Amino acid sequence: KGYSKGPNGMPLDRYSFLDREGTISQELQEGNVGSFGFDVRYFTETDLYVKLVDENSPAYLAGIRRGWVVTEINNVRDLSLASMEKDDFEFLFKALNAPSISLKLRNPLGNEVSVNLQRTIYGYRPIIASRIFEKGGKKAGYFAFGTFVSNELIKAQLDGIMSGFAAAGVKDLIIDLRYNGGGDVSTANYITDLVAPVSAHSKLMNYYII
């Protein structure tokens, strides 16, 4: 793709790319993901944690859960932030995107677990969690939403969650998008329609700049 450039010579569009292999389209339109099914993050300078595990993924089926500490990847034990920064995280990125990976992890009980994973296509569930919190006589509905997959795949579940909140007398809503990397705009629009007040009817929601 040729990018339009601004007066400073920098590309104006920094958010577009070509999905040459159809990987992203498969995720968004079909809800199928090909990966190990987990993501990691540094919460300290030395410890690499599992921040998220997709249900039904190879990592989930192997028993890996959020909060476990990754102690070794492909026989490399020095996974400190300083060590990974030396090659601009190339080792980590390559390992997490390879066809297979060998891991050692420490669970909350302090036990080290060895796992070998193969990259697999699995059905992705973008709604990570949903529940109702009640405190001081007030109820707040909560749901965490990962990637915005096609609205056709998620509409019924979203409708069910919102209907349940309404039936329970929920007045406040928390939508957790901390793991959301974007996706199908129509799905984001649909969620906005679900939570927008009646006073917002017929008003501008968003617009595109070309």
N, C-alpha and C. Protein backbone atom coordinates (compact mmCIF):
# COMPACT_ATOMS: atom_id res chain seq x y z
N LYS A 1 0.84 -1.19 0.00
CA LYS A 1 0.00 0.00 0.00
C LYS A 1 0.88 1.24 0.00
N GLY A 2 0.51 2.23 -0.83
CA GLY A 2 1.24 3.49 -0.81
C GLY A 2 0.56 4.44 0.16
N TYR A 3 1.29 4.95 1.13
CA TYR A 3 0.70 5.82 2.14
C TYR A 3 0.74 7.28 1.72
N SER A 4 -0.35 8.00 1.96
CA SER A 4 -0.34 9.46 1.78
C SER A 4 0.56 10.05 2.86
N LYS A 5 1.31 11.10 2.49
CA LYS A 5 2.25 11.69 3.43
C LYS A 5 1.90 13.14 3.74
N GLY A 6 2.19 13.54 4.96
CA GLY A 6 1.93 14.89 5.40
C GLY A 6 3.07 15.82 5.05
N PRO A 7 2.98 17.09 5.46
CA PRO A 7 4.02 18.09 5.15
C PRO A 7 5.41 17.70 5.66
N ASN A 8 5.46 16.92 6.73
CA ASN A 8 6.75 16.51 7.29
C ASN A 8 7.31 15.25 6.64
N GLY A 9 6.59 14.75 5.63
CA GLY A 9 7.05 13.56 4.93
C GLY A 9 6.69 12.24 5.60
N MET A 10 6.01 12.30 6.74
CA MET A 10 5.62 11.09 7.45
C MET A 10 4.26 10.60 6.97
N PRO A 11 4.06 9.28 6.95
CA PRO A 11 2.76 8.74 6.51
C PRO A 11 1.62 9.23 7.38
N LEU A 12 0.50 9.59 6.74
CA LEU A 12 -0.68 10.02 7.48
C LEU A 12 -1.42 8.81 8.06
N ASP A 13 -1.40 7.71 7.35
CA ASP A 13 -2.11 6.50 7.78
C ASP A 13 -1.09 5.53 8.38
N ARG A 14 -1.11 5.41 9.69
CA ARG A 14 -0.19 4.50 10.37
C ARG A 14 -0.92 3.25 10.86
N TYR A 15 -2.18 3.08 10.47
CA TYR A 15 -2.99 2.04 11.08
C TYR A 15 -3.48 0.99 10.08
N SER A 16 -3.11 1.10 8.82
CA SER A 16 -3.56 0.15 7.81
C SER A 16 -2.44 -0.79 7.40
N PHE A 17 -2.80 -1.98 6.99
CA PHE A 17 -1.84 -2.94 6.47
C PHE A 17 -2.59 -3.93 5.58
N LEU A 18 -1.85 -4.69 4.79
CA LEU A 18 -2.46 -5.68 3.92
C LEU A 18 -2.44 -7.05 4.60
N ASP A 19 -3.60 -7.66 4.72
CA ASP A 19 -3.72 -8.99 5.31
C ASP A 19 -3.55 -10.01 4.19
N ARG A 20 -2.30 -10.16 3.72
CA ARG A 20 -2.03 -10.97 2.54
C ARG A 20 -2.42 -12.44 2.70
N GLU A 21 -2.28 -12.98 3.90
CA GLU A 21 -2.57 -14.39 4.11
C GLU A 21 -3.99 -14.63 4.62
N GLY A 22 -4.76 -13.56 4.82
CA GLY A 22 -6.13 -13.72 5.29
C GLY A 22 -6.24 -14.08 6.75
N THR A 23 -5.14 -13.93 7.50
CA THR A 23 -5.14 -14.32 8.91
C THR A 23 -6.11 -13.48 9.73
N ILE A 24 -6.03 -12.15 9.56
CA ILE A 24 -6.89 -11.26 10.34
C ILE A 24 -8.34 -11.43 9.93
N SER A 25 -8.60 -11.58 8.62
CA SER A 25 -9.96 -11.79 8.15
C SER A 25 -10.55 -13.06 8.75
N GLN A 26 -9.74 -14.09 8.86
CA GLN A 26 -10.20 -15.35 9.44
C GLN A 26 -10.57 -15.16 10.91
N GLU A 27 -9.78 -14.37 11.63
CA GLU A 27 -10.06 -14.10 13.04
C GLU A 27 -11.36 -13.31 13.19
N LEU A 28 -11.50 -12.23 12.42
CA LEU A 28 -12.62 -11.33 12.60
C LEU A 28 -13.92 -11.87 12.03
N GLN A 29 -13.86 -12.45 10.83
CA GLN A 29 -15.08 -12.87 10.16
C GLN A 29 -15.54 -14.27 10.54
N GLU A 30 -14.59 -15.15 10.88
CA GLU A 30 -14.94 -16.53 11.19
C GLU A 30 -14.75 -16.87 12.66
N GLY A 31 -14.03 -16.02 13.40
CA GLY A 31 -13.80 -16.29 14.81
C GLY A 31 -12.79 -17.40 15.05
N ASN A 32 -11.95 -17.68 14.06
CA ASN A 32 -10.93 -18.72 14.18
C ASN A 32 -9.55 -18.08 14.30
N VAL A 33 -8.81 -18.51 15.31
CA VAL A 33 -7.48 -17.95 15.57
C VAL A 33 -6.46 -19.06 15.48
N GLY A 34 -5.32 -18.78 14.84
CA GLY A 34 -4.24 -19.75 14.77
C GLY A 34 -3.06 -19.27 15.60
N SER A 35 -2.94 -19.78 16.83
CA SER A 35 -1.85 -19.36 17.70
C SER A 35 -1.75 -20.33 18.87
N PHE A 36 -0.88 -20.00 19.83
CA PHE A 36 -0.79 -20.79 21.06
C PHE A 36 -1.90 -20.40 22.04
N GLY A 37 -2.44 -19.20 21.86
CA GLY A 37 -3.58 -18.80 22.67
C GLY A 37 -3.24 -18.13 23.99
N PHE A 38 -2.03 -17.58 24.12
CA PHE A 38 -1.71 -16.85 25.35
C PHE A 38 -0.86 -15.64 25.00
N ASP A 39 -0.89 -14.66 25.89
CA ASP A 39 -0.08 -13.46 25.72
C ASP A 39 0.66 -13.19 27.01
N VAL A 40 1.77 -12.45 26.91
CA VAL A 40 2.62 -12.22 28.08
C VAL A 40 2.87 -10.74 28.29
N ARG A 41 3.31 -10.41 29.49
CA ARG A 41 3.64 -9.02 29.81
C ARG A 41 4.61 -9.00 30.99
N TYR A 42 5.48 -8.00 30.98
CA TYR A 42 6.38 -7.80 32.11
C TYR A 42 5.67 -6.94 33.16
N PHE A 43 5.57 -7.46 34.38
CA PHE A 43 5.04 -6.67 35.49
C PHE A 43 6.16 -6.25 36.43
N THR A 44 7.34 -6.86 36.26
CA THR A 44 8.54 -6.42 36.98
C THR A 44 9.68 -6.44 35.97
N GLU A 45 10.87 -6.01 36.39
CA GLU A 45 12.02 -5.99 35.48
C GLU A 45 12.53 -7.40 35.17
N THR A 46 12.15 -8.36 36.01
CA THR A 46 12.70 -9.71 35.85
C THR A 46 11.68 -10.77 35.49
N ASP A 47 10.42 -10.57 35.87
CA ASP A 47 9.42 -11.63 35.71
C ASP A 47 8.49 -11.37 34.53
N LEU A 48 8.38 -12.39 33.66
CA LEU A 48 7.49 -12.36 32.51
C LEU A 48 6.24 -13.16 32.88
N TYR A 49 5.10 -12.51 32.89
CA TYR A 49 3.86 -13.14 33.32
C TYR A 49 2.95 -13.47 32.13
N VAL A 50 2.10 -14.47 32.32
CA VAL A 50 1.02 -14.73 31.38
C VAL A 50 -0.11 -13.77 31.72
N LYS A 51 -0.43 -12.87 30.79
CA LYS A 51 -1.46 -11.87 31.10
C LYS A 51 -2.84 -12.30 30.62
N LEU A 52 -2.90 -13.25 29.67
CA LEU A 52 -4.19 -13.65 29.12
C LEU A 52 -4.07 -15.01 28.46
N VAL A 53 -5.10 -15.85 28.64
CA VAL A 53 -5.15 -17.16 27.98
C VAL A 53 -6.54 -17.32 27.36
N ASP A 54 -6.60 -17.59 26.06
CA ASP A 54 -7.87 -17.79 25.38
C ASP A 54 -8.44 -19.18 25.70
N GLU A 55 -9.74 -19.22 25.96
CA GLU A 55 -10.40 -20.51 26.17
C GLU A 55 -10.28 -21.36 24.91
N ASN A 56 -10.14 -22.66 25.11
CA ASN A 56 -10.07 -23.65 24.01
C ASN A 56 -8.77 -23.59 23.23
N SER A 57 -7.86 -22.72 23.60
CA SER A 57 -6.58 -22.61 22.90
C SER A 57 -5.62 -23.69 23.38
N PRO A 58 -4.52 -23.93 22.64
CA PRO A 58 -3.52 -24.92 23.10
C PRO A 58 -3.01 -24.62 24.51
N ALA A 59 -2.76 -23.34 24.82
CA ALA A 59 -2.28 -22.98 26.15
C ALA A 59 -3.31 -23.30 27.22
N TYR A 60 -4.57 -22.99 26.94
CA TYR A 60 -5.64 -23.23 27.92
C TYR A 60 -5.81 -24.73 28.16
N LEU A 61 -5.82 -25.50 27.09
CA LEU A 61 -6.00 -26.94 27.22
C LEU A 61 -4.81 -27.60 27.92
N ALA A 62 -3.64 -26.94 27.87
CA ALA A 62 -2.46 -27.45 28.56
C ALA A 62 -2.46 -27.07 30.04
N GLY A 63 -3.45 -26.28 30.46
CA GLY A 63 -3.57 -25.91 31.87
C GLY A 63 -2.98 -24.57 32.24
N ILE A 64 -2.41 -23.85 31.28
CA ILE A 64 -1.80 -22.55 31.57
C ILE A 64 -2.89 -21.53 31.87
N ARG A 65 -2.66 -20.69 32.87
CA ARG A 65 -3.66 -19.70 33.26
C ARG A 65 -3.01 -18.33 33.48
N ARG A 66 -3.83 -17.32 33.43
CA ARG A 66 -3.40 -15.94 33.69
C ARG A 66 -2.70 -15.86 35.03
N GLY A 67 -1.59 -15.13 35.09
CA GLY A 67 -0.87 -14.92 36.34
C GLY A 67 0.31 -15.85 36.54
N TRP A 68 0.43 -16.91 35.70
CA TRP A 68 1.59 -17.79 35.82
C TRP A 68 2.84 -17.04 35.34
N VAL A 69 3.98 -17.39 35.91
CA VAL A 69 5.25 -16.76 35.52
C VAL A 69 5.97 -17.66 34.53
N VAL A 70 6.40 -17.09 33.41
CA VAL A 70 7.17 -17.84 32.40
C VAL A 70 8.63 -17.82 32.83
N THR A 71 9.18 -18.98 33.12
CA THR A 71 10.57 -19.06 33.61
C THR A 71 11.55 -19.49 32.53
N GLU A 72 11.05 -20.10 31.45
CA GLU A 72 11.96 -20.55 30.40
C GLU A 72 11.20 -20.67 29.08
N ILE A 73 11.83 -20.22 28.00
CA ILE A 73 11.27 -20.37 26.65
C ILE A 73 12.33 -20.97 25.75
N ASN A 74 12.01 -22.12 25.17
CA ASN A 74 12.93 -22.80 24.26
C ASN A 74 14.34 -22.92 24.85
N ASN A 75 14.39 -23.36 26.11
CA ASN A 75 15.65 -23.61 26.83
C ASN A 75 16.40 -22.34 27.23
N VAL A 76 15.81 -21.18 27.03
CA VAL A 76 16.42 -19.92 27.46
C VAL A 76 15.77 -19.50 28.77
N ARG A 77 16.60 -19.36 29.83
CA ARG A 77 16.06 -19.04 31.15
C ARG A 77 16.15 -17.55 31.49
N ASP A 78 17.06 -16.83 30.86
CA ASP A 78 17.18 -15.41 31.15
C ASP A 78 16.16 -14.65 30.31
N LEU A 79 14.99 -14.47 30.87
CA LEU A 79 13.92 -13.77 30.17
C LEU A 79 13.68 -12.39 30.75
N SER A 80 14.66 -11.86 31.45
CA SER A 80 14.53 -10.53 32.06
C SER A 80 14.28 -9.48 30.99
N LEU A 81 13.68 -8.38 31.38
CA LEU A 81 13.40 -7.29 30.45
C LEU A 81 14.68 -6.77 29.81
N ALA A 82 15.72 -6.63 30.60
CA ALA A 82 17.00 -6.13 30.07
C ALA A 82 17.56 -7.07 29.02
N SER A 83 17.44 -8.38 29.24
CA SER A 83 17.96 -9.35 28.29
C SER A 83 17.18 -9.31 26.98
N MET A 84 15.87 -9.22 27.06
CA MET A 84 15.04 -9.20 25.85
C MET A 84 15.19 -7.89 25.07
N GLU A 85 15.49 -6.81 25.77
CA GLU A 85 15.65 -5.52 25.10
C GLU A 85 16.91 -5.47 24.24
N LYS A 86 17.89 -6.33 24.53
CA LYS A 86 19.15 -6.32 23.79
C LYS A 86 18.96 -6.57 22.31
N ASP A 87 17.99 -7.44 21.96
CA ASP A 87 17.75 -7.70 20.53
C ASP A 87 16.38 -7.17 20.11
N ASP A 88 15.90 -6.14 20.85
CA ASP A 88 14.63 -5.49 20.55
C ASP A 88 13.48 -6.50 20.57
N PHE A 89 13.55 -7.46 21.49
CA PHE A 89 12.52 -8.47 21.74
C PHE A 89 12.36 -9.45 20.57
N GLU A 90 13.36 -9.52 19.69
CA GLU A 90 13.26 -10.41 18.53
C GLU A 90 13.10 -11.87 18.95
N PHE A 91 13.89 -12.29 19.95
CA PHE A 91 13.79 -13.68 20.41
C PHE A 91 12.37 -13.99 20.88
N LEU A 92 11.81 -13.09 21.68
CA LEU A 92 10.48 -13.30 22.24
C LEU A 92 9.42 -13.33 21.16
N PHE A 93 9.47 -12.38 20.23
CA PHE A 93 8.48 -12.32 19.16
C PHE A 93 8.54 -13.58 18.28
N LYS A 94 9.74 -14.00 17.93
CA LYS A 94 9.89 -15.18 17.08
C LYS A 94 9.38 -16.43 17.79
N ALA A 95 9.68 -16.55 19.08
CA ALA A 95 9.25 -17.73 19.84
C ALA A 95 7.74 -17.80 19.94
N LEU A 96 7.10 -16.65 20.15
CA LEU A 96 5.65 -16.63 20.34
C LEU A 96 4.90 -16.75 19.02
N ASN A 97 5.59 -16.63 17.90
CA ASN A 97 4.94 -16.74 16.60
C ASN A 97 5.43 -17.93 15.79
N ALA A 98 6.19 -18.82 16.41
CA ALA A 98 6.71 -20.01 15.75
C ALA A 98 5.63 -21.10 15.70
N PRO A 99 5.83 -22.15 14.89
CA PRO A 99 4.86 -23.26 14.84
C PRO A 99 4.74 -24.02 16.15
N SER A 100 5.82 -24.03 16.97
CA SER A 100 5.79 -24.73 18.25
C SER A 100 6.64 -23.97 19.25
N ILE A 101 6.41 -24.25 20.53
CA ILE A 101 7.16 -23.56 21.58
C ILE A 101 7.28 -24.48 22.80
N SER A 102 8.43 -24.39 23.45
CA SER A 102 8.68 -25.15 24.67
C SER A 102 8.73 -24.16 25.84
N LEU A 103 7.95 -24.42 26.88
CA LEU A 103 7.83 -23.48 27.99
C LEU A 103 8.05 -24.16 29.33
N LYS A 104 8.57 -23.40 30.25
CA LYS A 104 8.53 -23.76 31.66
C LYS A 104 7.90 -22.58 32.38
N LEU A 105 6.94 -22.88 33.25
CA LEU A 105 6.20 -21.83 33.95
C LEU A 105 6.09 -22.16 35.43
N ARG A 106 5.91 -21.13 36.24
CA ARG A 106 5.69 -21.31 37.67
C ARG A 106 4.27 -20.89 38.01
N ASN A 107 3.50 -21.82 38.56
CA ASN A 107 2.11 -21.53 38.89
C ASN A 107 2.02 -20.87 40.27
N PRO A 108 0.81 -20.43 40.67
CA PRO A 108 0.67 -19.72 41.96
C PRO A 108 1.09 -20.54 43.17
N LEU A 109 1.13 -21.88 43.06
CA LEU A 109 1.57 -22.73 44.17
C LEU A 109 3.09 -22.81 44.26
N GLY A 110 3.79 -22.20 43.28
CA GLY A 110 5.24 -22.23 43.27
C GLY A 110 5.83 -23.42 42.54
N ASN A 111 4.96 -24.24 41.92
CA ASN A 111 5.43 -25.42 41.18
C ASN A 111 5.81 -25.04 39.76
N GLU A 112 6.92 -25.60 39.25
CA GLU A 112 7.33 -25.36 37.87
C GLU A 112 6.71 -26.42 36.98
N VAL A 113 6.10 -25.97 35.89
CA VAL A 113 5.40 -26.85 34.95
C VAL A 113 6.05 -26.73 33.59
N SER A 114 6.33 -27.86 32.94
CA SER A 114 6.90 -27.88 31.59
C SER A 114 5.79 -28.18 30.58
N VAL A 115 5.75 -27.39 29.51
CA VAL A 115 4.69 -27.54 28.51
C VAL A 115 5.29 -27.36 27.12
N ASN A 116 4.88 -28.22 26.18
CA ASN A 116 5.21 -28.05 24.77
C ASN A 116 3.92 -27.79 24.01
N LEU A 117 3.88 -26.68 23.27
CA LEU A 117 2.66 -26.30 22.56
C LEU A 117 2.88 -26.27 21.06
N GLN A 118 1.84 -26.62 20.32
CA GLN A 118 1.82 -26.52 18.87
C GLN A 118 0.79 -25.46 18.47
N ARG A 119 1.17 -24.61 17.53
CA ARG A 119 0.24 -23.59 17.05
C ARG A 119 -0.96 -24.28 16.39
N THR A 120 -2.16 -23.92 16.79
CA THR A 120 -3.36 -24.59 16.33
C THR A 120 -4.46 -23.56 16.06
N ILE A 121 -5.34 -23.86 15.12
CA ILE A 121 -6.51 -23.02 14.88
C ILE A 121 -7.62 -23.44 15.83
N TYR A 122 -8.19 -22.48 16.55
CA TYR A 122 -9.25 -22.77 17.51
C TYR A 122 -10.32 -21.68 17.45
N GLY A 123 -11.49 -21.99 17.97
CA GLY A 123 -12.58 -21.03 18.00
C GLY A 123 -12.37 -19.99 19.09
N TYR A 124 -12.26 -18.74 18.69
CA TYR A 124 -11.96 -17.65 19.62
C TYR A 124 -13.23 -17.14 20.29
N ARG A 125 -13.16 -16.93 21.62
CA ARG A 125 -14.28 -16.38 22.38
C ARG A 125 -13.90 -14.98 22.87
N PRO A 126 -14.41 -13.95 22.19
CA PRO A 126 -13.95 -12.60 22.51
C PRO A 126 -14.45 -12.05 23.83
N ILE A 127 -15.60 -12.54 24.33
CA ILE A 127 -16.07 -12.07 25.63
C ILE A 127 -15.40 -12.93 26.69
N ILE A 128 -14.40 -12.34 27.33
CA ILE A 128 -13.52 -13.07 28.24
C ILE A 128 -14.23 -13.38 29.55
N ALA A 129 -15.06 -12.43 30.02
CA ALA A 129 -15.76 -12.62 31.29
C ALA A 129 -16.95 -11.68 31.34
N SER A 130 -17.97 -12.05 32.09
CA SER A 130 -19.10 -11.15 32.35
C SER A 130 -19.70 -11.51 33.71
N ARG A 131 -20.06 -10.48 34.47
CA ARG A 131 -20.65 -10.71 35.79
C ARG A 131 -21.30 -9.42 36.29
N ILE A 132 -22.00 -9.54 37.39
CA ILE A 132 -22.64 -8.38 38.01
C ILE A 132 -22.02 -8.16 39.39
N PHE A 133 -21.59 -6.93 39.65
CA PHE A 133 -21.05 -6.57 40.96
C PHE A 133 -22.12 -5.78 41.72
N GLU A 134 -22.26 -6.09 42.99
CA GLU A 134 -23.25 -5.39 43.82
C GLU A 134 -22.59 -4.87 45.09
N LYS A 135 -22.77 -3.58 45.36
CA LYS A 135 -22.19 -2.98 46.55
C LYS A 135 -23.01 -1.76 46.96
N GLY A 136 -23.34 -1.70 48.22
CA GLY A 136 -24.10 -0.57 48.73
C GLY A 136 -25.45 -0.42 48.08
N GLY A 137 -26.05 -1.54 47.71
CA GLY A 137 -27.37 -1.50 47.08
C GLY A 137 -27.35 -1.15 45.61
N LYS A 138 -26.18 -0.94 45.04
CA LYS A 138 -26.06 -0.62 43.62
C LYS A 138 -25.49 -1.80 42.85
N LYS A 139 -25.93 -1.95 41.62
CA LYS A 139 -25.47 -3.04 40.77
C LYS A 139 -24.75 -2.49 39.53
N ALA A 140 -23.61 -3.08 39.24
CA ALA A 140 -22.84 -2.70 38.05
C ALA A 140 -22.59 -3.94 37.21
N GLY A 141 -22.95 -3.86 35.94
CA GLY A 141 -22.67 -4.95 35.02
C GLY A 141 -21.26 -4.81 34.47
N TYR A 142 -20.59 -5.93 34.27
CA TYR A 142 -19.20 -5.92 33.79
C TYR A 142 -19.04 -6.98 32.72
N PHE A 143 -18.38 -6.62 31.62
CA PHE A 143 -17.89 -7.64 30.71
C PHE A 143 -16.60 -7.18 30.05
N ALA A 144 -15.70 -8.15 29.85
CA ALA A 144 -14.40 -7.89 29.21
C ALA A 144 -14.47 -8.38 27.78
N PHE A 145 -14.10 -7.52 26.85
CA PHE A 145 -14.23 -7.83 25.43
C PHE A 145 -12.86 -7.79 24.77
N GLY A 146 -12.47 -8.91 24.16
CA GLY A 146 -11.22 -8.96 23.41
C GLY A 146 -11.42 -8.37 22.03
N THR A 147 -10.91 -9.00 21.01
CA THR A 147 -10.99 -8.50 19.64
C THR A 147 -12.44 -8.36 19.17
N PHE A 148 -12.73 -7.28 18.46
CA PHE A 148 -14.06 -7.08 17.87
C PHE A 148 -14.21 -7.98 16.65
N VAL A 149 -14.65 -9.21 16.87
CA VAL A 149 -14.93 -10.11 15.75
C VAL A 149 -16.20 -9.66 15.06
N SER A 150 -16.55 -10.31 13.95
CA SER A 150 -17.76 -9.95 13.20
C SER A 150 -18.98 -9.93 14.12
N ASN A 151 -19.83 -8.94 13.92
CA ASN A 151 -21.02 -8.81 14.75
C ASN A 151 -21.93 -10.02 14.64
N GLU A 152 -21.92 -10.68 13.49
CA GLU A 152 -22.76 -11.87 13.30
C GLU A 152 -22.38 -12.98 14.27
N LEU A 153 -21.11 -13.03 14.66
CA LEU A 153 -20.62 -14.09 15.54
C LEU A 153 -20.92 -13.81 17.00
N ILE A 154 -21.09 -12.56 17.36
CA ILE A 154 -21.14 -12.20 18.78
C ILE A 154 -22.45 -11.53 19.19
N LYS A 155 -23.29 -11.14 18.24
CA LYS A 155 -24.50 -10.37 18.53
C LYS A 155 -25.40 -11.06 19.55
N ALA A 156 -25.68 -12.35 19.36
CA ALA A 156 -26.60 -13.06 20.25
C ALA A 156 -26.07 -13.08 21.69
N GLN A 157 -24.77 -13.28 21.84
CA GLN A 157 -24.19 -13.31 23.19
C GLN A 157 -24.24 -11.93 23.83
N LEU A 158 -23.94 -10.89 23.05
CA LEU A 158 -24.02 -9.53 23.57
C LEU A 158 -25.43 -9.19 24.01
N ASP A 159 -26.41 -9.54 23.16
CA ASP A 159 -27.81 -9.27 23.49
C ASP A 159 -28.20 -9.99 24.78
N GLY A 160 -27.74 -11.24 24.94
CA GLY A 160 -28.05 -12.00 26.14
C GLY A 160 -27.47 -11.38 27.39
N ILE A 161 -26.23 -10.91 27.29
CA ILE A 161 -25.58 -10.28 28.44
C ILE A 161 -26.30 -9.00 28.84
N MET A 162 -26.61 -8.17 27.87
CA MET A 162 -27.27 -6.90 28.16
C MET A 162 -28.68 -7.12 28.68
N SER A 163 -29.38 -8.10 28.15
CA SER A 163 -30.72 -8.42 28.64
C SER A 163 -30.66 -8.89 30.09
N GLY A 164 -29.64 -9.71 30.40
CA GLY A 164 -29.46 -10.18 31.77
C GLY A 164 -29.19 -9.04 32.73
N PHE A 165 -28.37 -8.08 32.28
CA PHE A 165 -28.08 -6.91 33.11
C PHE A 165 -29.37 -6.13 33.38
N ALA A 166 -30.16 -5.92 32.33
CA ALA A 166 -31.40 -5.15 32.47
C ALA A 166 -32.37 -5.86 33.41
N ALA A 167 -32.49 -7.17 33.27
CA ALA A 167 -33.41 -7.93 34.12
C ALA A 167 -32.99 -7.90 35.58
N ALA A 168 -31.67 -7.78 35.83
CA ALA A 168 -31.15 -7.75 37.20
C ALA A 168 -31.18 -6.36 37.81
N GLY A 169 -31.61 -5.36 37.03
CA GLY A 169 -31.69 -4.00 37.54
C GLY A 169 -30.37 -3.26 37.54
N VAL A 170 -29.46 -3.66 36.66
CA VAL A 170 -28.17 -2.99 36.56
C VAL A 170 -28.33 -1.57 36.01
N LYS A 171 -27.72 -0.61 36.69
CA LYS A 171 -27.78 0.78 36.24
C LYS A 171 -26.44 1.31 35.74
N ASP A 172 -25.34 0.68 36.17
CA ASP A 172 -24.00 1.11 35.76
C ASP A 172 -23.33 -0.02 34.98
N LEU A 173 -22.47 0.37 34.06
CA LEU A 173 -21.85 -0.62 33.17
C LEU A 173 -20.35 -0.38 33.05
N ILE A 174 -19.59 -1.47 33.14
CA ILE A 174 -18.13 -1.42 32.93
C ILE A 174 -17.82 -2.31 31.73
N ILE A 175 -17.25 -1.74 30.68
CA ILE A 175 -16.80 -2.52 29.53
C ILE A 175 -15.28 -2.51 29.55
N ASP A 176 -14.69 -3.65 29.79
CA ASP A 176 -13.24 -3.79 29.95
C ASP A 176 -12.61 -4.07 28.58
N LEU A 177 -11.86 -3.08 28.07
CA LEU A 177 -11.23 -3.21 26.74
C LEU A 177 -9.72 -3.24 26.84
N ARG A 178 -9.19 -3.63 28.01
CA ARG A 178 -7.74 -3.56 28.20
C ARG A 178 -6.99 -4.49 27.26
N TYR A 179 -7.61 -5.58 26.81
CA TYR A 179 -6.95 -6.53 25.91
C TYR A 179 -7.45 -6.40 24.48
N ASN A 180 -8.21 -5.35 24.20
CA ASN A 180 -8.83 -5.21 22.90
C ASN A 180 -7.90 -4.47 21.93
N GLY A 181 -7.59 -5.13 20.82
CA GLY A 181 -6.72 -4.52 19.82
C GLY A 181 -7.47 -3.98 18.63
N GLY A 182 -8.79 -3.86 18.73
CA GLY A 182 -9.58 -3.36 17.61
C GLY A 182 -10.31 -4.49 16.90
N GLY A 183 -10.60 -4.27 15.61
CA GLY A 183 -11.29 -5.30 14.84
C GLY A 183 -12.39 -4.72 13.98
N ASP A 184 -13.52 -5.41 13.92
CA ASP A 184 -14.64 -5.04 13.06
C ASP A 184 -15.35 -3.82 13.64
N VAL A 185 -15.36 -2.72 12.90
CA VAL A 185 -15.96 -1.48 13.39
C VAL A 185 -17.46 -1.63 13.62
N SER A 186 -18.12 -2.46 12.81
CA SER A 186 -19.56 -2.64 12.97
C SER A 186 -19.90 -3.22 14.34
N THR A 187 -19.01 -4.06 14.87
CA THR A 187 -19.23 -4.64 16.20
C THR A 187 -19.06 -3.58 17.28
N ALA A 188 -18.04 -2.74 17.13
CA ALA A 188 -17.85 -1.64 18.07
C ALA A 188 -19.06 -0.71 18.03
N ASN A 189 -19.58 -0.45 16.84
CA ASN A 189 -20.76 0.40 16.70
C ASN A 189 -21.98 -0.23 17.37
N TYR A 190 -22.12 -1.56 17.23
CA TYR A 190 -23.26 -2.24 17.80
C TYR A 190 -23.24 -2.15 19.32
N ILE A 191 -22.06 -2.32 19.91
CA ILE A 191 -21.93 -2.19 21.37
C ILE A 191 -22.29 -0.77 21.80
N THR A 192 -21.83 0.21 21.03
CA THR A 192 -22.16 1.60 21.34
C THR A 192 -23.66 1.82 21.32
N ASP A 193 -24.34 1.23 20.33
CA ASP A 193 -25.80 1.34 20.25
C ASP A 193 -26.48 0.71 21.47
N LEU A 194 -25.93 -0.38 21.94
CA LEU A 194 -26.53 -1.07 23.08
C LEU A 194 -26.47 -0.23 24.36
N VAL A 195 -25.41 0.53 24.52
CA VAL A 195 -25.21 1.26 25.79
C VAL A 195 -25.58 2.73 25.70
N ALA A 196 -25.78 3.25 24.50
CA ALA A 196 -26.09 4.68 24.36
C ALA A 196 -27.49 4.97 24.88
N PRO A 197 -27.69 6.12 25.54
CA PRO A 197 -29.02 6.48 26.04
C PRO A 197 -29.95 6.86 24.89
N VAL A 198 -31.23 6.91 25.19
CA VAL A 198 -32.23 7.27 24.18
C VAL A 198 -31.95 8.66 23.62
N SER A 199 -31.40 9.52 24.45
CA SER A 199 -31.13 10.90 24.02
C SER A 199 -30.09 10.97 22.90
N ALA A 200 -29.32 9.89 22.70
CA ALA A 200 -28.30 9.86 21.65
C ALA A 200 -28.86 9.42 20.30
N HIS A 201 -30.13 9.04 20.26
CA HIS A 201 -30.73 8.55 19.02
C HIS A 201 -30.61 9.58 17.90
N SER A 202 -30.17 9.09 16.74
CA SER A 202 -30.02 9.90 15.52
C SER A 202 -28.85 10.89 15.58
N LYS A 203 -28.06 10.85 16.64
CA LYS A 203 -26.90 11.73 16.71
C LYS A 203 -25.66 11.03 16.14
N LEU A 204 -24.67 11.82 15.74
CA LEU A 204 -23.46 11.28 15.12
C LEU A 204 -22.70 10.39 16.09
N MET A 205 -22.37 9.18 15.64
CA MET A 205 -21.59 8.26 16.47
C MET A 205 -20.11 8.36 16.13
N ASN A 206 -19.76 8.24 14.86
CA ASN A 206 -18.38 8.36 14.43
C ASN A 206 -18.34 8.70 12.95
N TYR A 207 -17.16 8.99 12.45
CA TYR A 207 -17.01 9.27 11.04
C TYR A 207 -15.60 8.91 10.59
N TYR A 208 -15.42 8.75 9.31
CA TYR A 208 -14.14 8.36 8.74
C TYR A 208 -13.46 9.56 8.08
N ILE A 209 -12.17 9.60 8.17
CA ILE A 209 -11.38 10.61 7.45
C ILE A 209 -10.53 9.89 6.40
N ILE A 210 -10.65 10.29 5.16
CA ILE A 210 -9.87 9.66 4.08
C ILE A 210 -8.76 10.60 3.66
